[in-house]
C-alpha atoms as a PDB file:
ATOM      1  CA  MET A   1      -7.512 -12.226  21.537  1.00  0.00           C
ATOM      2  CA  PRO A   2      -5.663 -10.386  24.291  1.00  0.00           C
ATOM      3  CA  TYR A   3      -4.183  -7.037  23.494  1.00  0.00           C
ATOM      4  CA  GLU A   4      -0.946  -6.026  25.199  1.00  0.00           C
ATOM      5  CA  GLU A   5      -0.760  -2.338  24.339  1.00  0.00           C
ATOM      6  CA  THR A   6      -3.106   0.566  24.913  1.00  0.00           C
ATOM      7  CA  LEU A   7      -3.484   3.545  22.639  1.00  0.00           C
ATOM      8  CA  LEU A   8      -4.782   6.763  24.172  1.00  0.00           C
ATOM      9  CA  ILE A   9      -6.268   9.466  21.980  1.00  0.00           C
ATOM     10  CA  LYS A  10      -7.674  12.860  22.921  1.00  0.00           C
ATOM     11  CA  LEU A  11     -10.976  14.012  21.467  1.00  0.00           C
ATOM     12  CA  ASP A  12     -12.998  17.133  21.780  1.00  0.00           C
ATOM     13  CA  LYS A  13     -16.255  16.860  23.760  1.00  0.00           C
ATOM     14  CA  THR A  14     -18.455  17.112  20.698  1.00  0.00           C
ATOM     15  CA  THR A  15     -16.725  14.203  18.983  1.00  0.00           C
ATOM     16  CA  LYS A  16     -16.834  12.085  22.150  1.00  0.00           C
ATOM     17  CA  GLN A  17     -20.606  12.773  22.540  1.00  0.00           C
ATOM     18  CA  ARG A  18     -21.234  11.870  18.898  1.00  0.00           C
ATOM     19  CA  MET A  19     -19.257   8.633  19.327  1.00  0.00           C
ATOM     20  CA  LYS A  20     -21.294   7.695  22.396  1.00  0.00           C
ATOM     21  CA  SER A  21     -24.566   8.240  20.514  1.00  0.00           C
ATOM     22  CA  ALA A  22     -23.416   6.049  17.585  1.00  0.00           C
ATOM     23  CA  ASP A  23     -23.797   2.305  18.031  1.00  0.00           C
ATOM     24  CA  GLU A  24     -20.269   1.351  16.999  1.00  0.00           C
ATOM     25  CA  ASN A  25     -17.372  -0.695  18.315  1.00  0.00           C
ATOM     26  CA  TRP A  26     -14.848   2.103  18.027  1.00  0.00           C
ATOM     27  CA  SER A  27     -11.923   0.038  19.289  1.00  0.00           C
ATOM     28  CA  ALA A  28     -12.404  -2.586  16.568  1.00  0.00           C
ATOM     29  CA  LEU A  29     -12.962   0.120  13.942  1.00  0.00           C
ATOM     30  CA  ILE A  30      -9.739   1.898  14.879  1.00  0.00           C
ATOM     31  CA  ARG A  31      -7.762  -1.369  15.070  1.00  0.00           C
ATOM     32  CA  GLY A  32      -9.003  -2.285  11.590  1.00  0.00           C
ATOM     33  CA  PHE A  33      -8.144   1.133  10.214  1.00  0.00           C
ATOM     34  CA  ILE A  34      -4.620   0.991  11.650  1.00  0.00           C
ATOM     35  CA  GLN A  35      -4.050  -2.530  10.262  1.00  0.00           C
ATOM     36  CA  ARG A  36      -5.274  -1.493   6.792  1.00  0.00           C
ATOM     37  CA  GLU A  37      -3.018   1.582   6.815  1.00  0.00           C
ATOM     38  CA  LEU A  38       0.015  -0.463   7.829  1.00  0.00           C
ATOM     39  CA  ASN A  39      -0.697  -2.961   5.060  1.00  0.00           C
ATOM     40  CA  ARG A  40      -1.165  -0.136   2.561  1.00  0.00           C
ATOM     41  CA  LYS A  41       2.160   1.395   3.510  1.00  0.00           C
ATOM     42  CA  LYS A  42       3.860  -1.993   3.290  1.00  0.00           C
ATOM     43  CA  ASN A  43       2.413  -2.487  -0.218  1.00  0.00           C
ATOM     44  CA  ILE A  44       3.573   1.005  -1.230  1.00  0.00           C
ATOM     45  CA  ALA A  45       7.073   0.243  -0.039  1.00  0.00           C
ATOM     46  CA  LYS A  46       7.054  -3.065  -1.960  1.00  0.00           C
ATOM     47  CA  ALA A  47       5.856  -1.276  -5.101  1.00  0.00           C
ATOM     48  CA  GLU A  48       8.556   1.373  -4.718  1.00  0.00           C
ATOM     49  CA  ARG A  49      11.270  -1.257  -4.413  1.00  0.00           C
ATOM     50  CA  LEU A  50       9.916  -3.023  -7.511  1.00  0.00           C
ATOM     51  CA  ARG A  51       9.762   0.265  -9.407  1.00  0.00           C
ATOM     52  CA  ALA A  52      13.341   1.086  -8.497  1.00  0.00           C
ATOM     53  CA  ARG A  53      14.514  -2.384  -9.548  1.00  0.00           C
ATOM     54  CA  LEU A  54      12.690  -2.109 -12.880  1.00  0.00           C
ATOM     55  CA  PHE A  55      14.107   1.337 -13.610  1.00  0.00           C
ATOM     56  CA  ARG A  56      17.632   0.195 -12.757  1.00  0.00           C
ATOM     57  CA  SER A  57      17.232  -2.666 -15.246  1.00  0.00           C
ATOM     58  CA  VAL A  58      16.224  -0.348 -18.126  1.00  0.00           C
ATOM     59  CA  ARG A  59      18.508   2.626 -17.407  1.00  0.00           C
ATOM     60  CA  GLY A  60      20.222   3.881 -20.564  1.00  0.00           C
ATOM     61  CA  LYS A  61      17.957   1.973 -22.939  1.00  0.00           C
ATOM     62  CA  GLY A  62      15.595   3.697 -25.330  1.00  0.00           C
ATOM     63  CA  SER A  63      11.891   2.992 -25.293  1.00  0.00           C
ATOM     64  CA  THR A  64      12.077   1.154 -28.604  1.00  0.00           C
ATOM     65  CA  ALA A  65      14.680  -1.292 -27.232  1.00  0.00           C
ATOM     66  CA  ILE A  66      12.591  -1.841 -24.086  1.00  0.00           C
ATOM     67  CA  ILE A  67       9.454  -2.555 -26.081  1.00  0.00           C
ATOM     68  CA  ARG A  68      11.375  -4.889 -28.412  1.00  0.00           C
ATOM     69  CA  GLU A  69      12.770  -6.851 -25.415  1.00  0.00           C
ATOM     70  CA  MET A  70       9.291  -7.144 -23.872  1.00  0.00           C
ATOM     71  CA  ARG A  71       7.770  -8.410 -27.142  1.00  0.00           C
ATOM     72  CA  GLU A  72      10.616 -10.870 -27.679  1.00  0.00           C
ATOM     73  CA  SER A  73      10.259 -12.230 -24.147  1.00  0.00           C
ATOM     74  CA  ARG A  74       6.526 -12.679 -24.716  1.00  0.00           C
ATOM     75  CA  TYR A  75       6.374 -13.879 -28.269  1.00  0.00           C
ATOM     76  CA  GLY A  76       9.921 -14.927 -29.206  1.00  0.00           C
ATOM     77  CA  ALA A  77      12.599 -13.361 -31.347  1.00  0.00           C
ATOM     78  CA  GLY A  78      11.571 -11.924 -34.732  1.00  0.00           C
ATOM     79  CA  SER A  79       8.032 -10.959 -33.636  1.00  0.00           C
ATOM     80  CA  ALA A  80       6.713  -7.661 -34.908  1.00  0.00           C
END
């Protein structure tokens, strides 16, 4: 898979030496980390949008009314 962009990072000499002595594909490791972080941030943003939508839908209702609505939607009207 060809990569089109290059990322340059600066490291201290000790870290660079330790990286050289470790048998690791650092490029792949860093690419994977970046991809996971981007996905995590995307999921957090989705969760925040969902949370905001849910709170808008229940604004002004008491907890008893919300629980009653949830139970009725699950089990039908008149459920205890």
